[in-house]
Every structure is written in structure tokens, then in C-alpha cells.
Amino acid sequence: MRITQKGQVTIPKKFRDRFGLTPNTEVRFEEVDGEVRIVAEKSRSEKMKEWIEQVKGSADSGMTTDEIMQLTRGE
């Protein structure tokens, strides 16, 4: 496999299929122990899902459920 004058290389289909590298997949290059790795970036939706999981249940109003219910019902 050769790199073109523009620095492009074709990723073989078996690797694209195996790792889900579809058109418009964002990738980054990493150097690890003197080797270059191509790493697929997570999509925005994947990043958002991870963020939601991290913050889920982290809000603390300092109120009990009964106090919140009274506040929302106007009691």
C-alpha cells in the first residue's frame, strides 16, 4: 500500500467493515511506541449519550420528594 502525493491512503474494506469506518467517520492519528494508529472518533450522539450517563442523577436540590411535590403542586 502506498501513500499518495496528497498524503492519502485507502483503508482496506475488511478493516472499514470490522471497525465501522463509514464515509464521513472522523478519525485521529496517534503515535504509540513509535507506531502510528488511526483511531475512530466517537460521533456527537455517542459523546452526548456518554455525557448524559455521567451526569444522570447528579442533581441535588437539597429537597425531599415530598417537598418537591408540594412545590410543583402549589400546596
Protein backbone atom coordinates (compact mmCIF):
# COMPACT_ATOMS: atom_id res chain seq x y z
CA MET A 1 0.00 0.00 0.00
CA ARG A 2 1.31 3.42 -0.89
CA ILE A 3 0.62 6.91 0.34
CA THR A 4 -0.36 9.26 -2.50
CA GLN A 5 1.28 12.64 -3.18
CA LYS A 6 -1.59 14.21 -1.25
CA GLY A 7 -0.85 12.01 1.78
CA GLN A 8 -3.88 9.78 1.22
CA VAL A 9 -4.14 6.05 1.75
CA THR A 10 -7.04 3.65 1.20
CA ILE A 11 -8.15 1.75 4.29
CA PRO A 12 -8.85 -1.85 3.20
CA LYS A 13 -12.53 -2.82 3.16
CA LYS A 14 -12.07 -5.61 5.71
CA PHE A 15 -10.85 -3.05 8.27
CA ARG A 16 -13.52 -0.48 7.37
CA ASP A 17 -16.18 -3.16 7.85
CA ARG A 18 -14.68 -4.60 11.03
CA PHE A 19 -14.31 -1.22 12.74
CA GLY A 20 -17.36 0.58 11.33
CA LEU A 21 -15.36 3.15 9.39
CA THR A 22 -18.02 4.58 7.14
CA PRO A 23 -17.81 7.67 4.91
CA ASN A 24 -17.52 10.86 6.99
CA THR A 25 -16.23 8.98 10.06
CA GLU A 26 -13.90 11.32 11.93
CA VAL A 27 -10.51 9.80 12.78
CA ARG A 28 -7.42 10.94 14.61
CA PHE A 29 -3.83 9.78 14.39
CA GLU A 30 -1.89 8.73 17.49
CA GLU A 31 1.74 7.82 17.96
CA VAL A 32 2.22 4.85 20.28
CA ASP A 33 5.67 3.34 20.82
CA GLY A 34 6.94 4.71 17.51
CA GLU A 35 3.93 3.46 15.53
CA VAL A 36 1.05 5.40 14.03
CA ARG A 37 -2.52 4.39 14.91
CA ILE A 38 -5.72 5.54 13.27
CA VAL A 39 -8.46 5.90 15.88
CA ALA A 40 -12.12 6.49 15.04
CA GLU A 41 -13.61 9.41 16.94
CA LYS A 42 -16.94 8.95 18.66
CA SER A 43 -19.94 10.54 17.00
CA ARG A 44 -21.67 13.51 18.59
CA SER A 45 -24.60 11.31 19.61
CA GLU A 46 -22.25 8.78 21.25
CA LYS A 47 -20.48 11.58 23.12
CA MET A 48 -23.83 13.04 24.22
CA LYS A 49 -25.09 9.65 25.45
CA GLU A 50 -21.90 9.20 27.50
CA TRP A 51 -22.23 12.68 28.97
CA ILE A 52 -25.87 12.06 29.92
CA GLU A 53 -24.90 8.80 31.64
CA GLN A 54 -22.17 10.62 33.58
CA VAL A 55 -24.47 13.37 34.87
CA LYS A 56 -27.61 11.28 35.30
CA GLY A 57 -28.83 11.50 38.89
CA SER A 58 -26.18 14.02 39.89
CA ALA A 59 -28.54 16.95 40.55
CA ASP A 60 -29.27 17.55 44.22
CA SER A 61 -31.84 20.14 45.13
CA GLY A 62 -31.49 19.50 48.85
CA MET A 63 -35.25 18.90 49.00
CA THR A 64 -37.17 15.74 49.72
CA THR A 65 -39.52 14.25 47.14
CA ASP A 66 -42.48 15.39 49.23
CA GLU A 67 -41.16 18.96 49.32
CA ILE A 68 -40.67 18.98 45.55
CA MET A 69 -44.17 17.60 45.02
CA GLN A 70 -45.67 20.29 47.27
CA LEU A 71 -43.76 22.97 45.38
CA THR A 72 -44.87 21.73 41.96
CA ARG A 73 -48.49 21.30 43.06
CA GLY A 74 -48.65 24.70 44.68
CA GLU A 75 -49.60 23.29 48.07
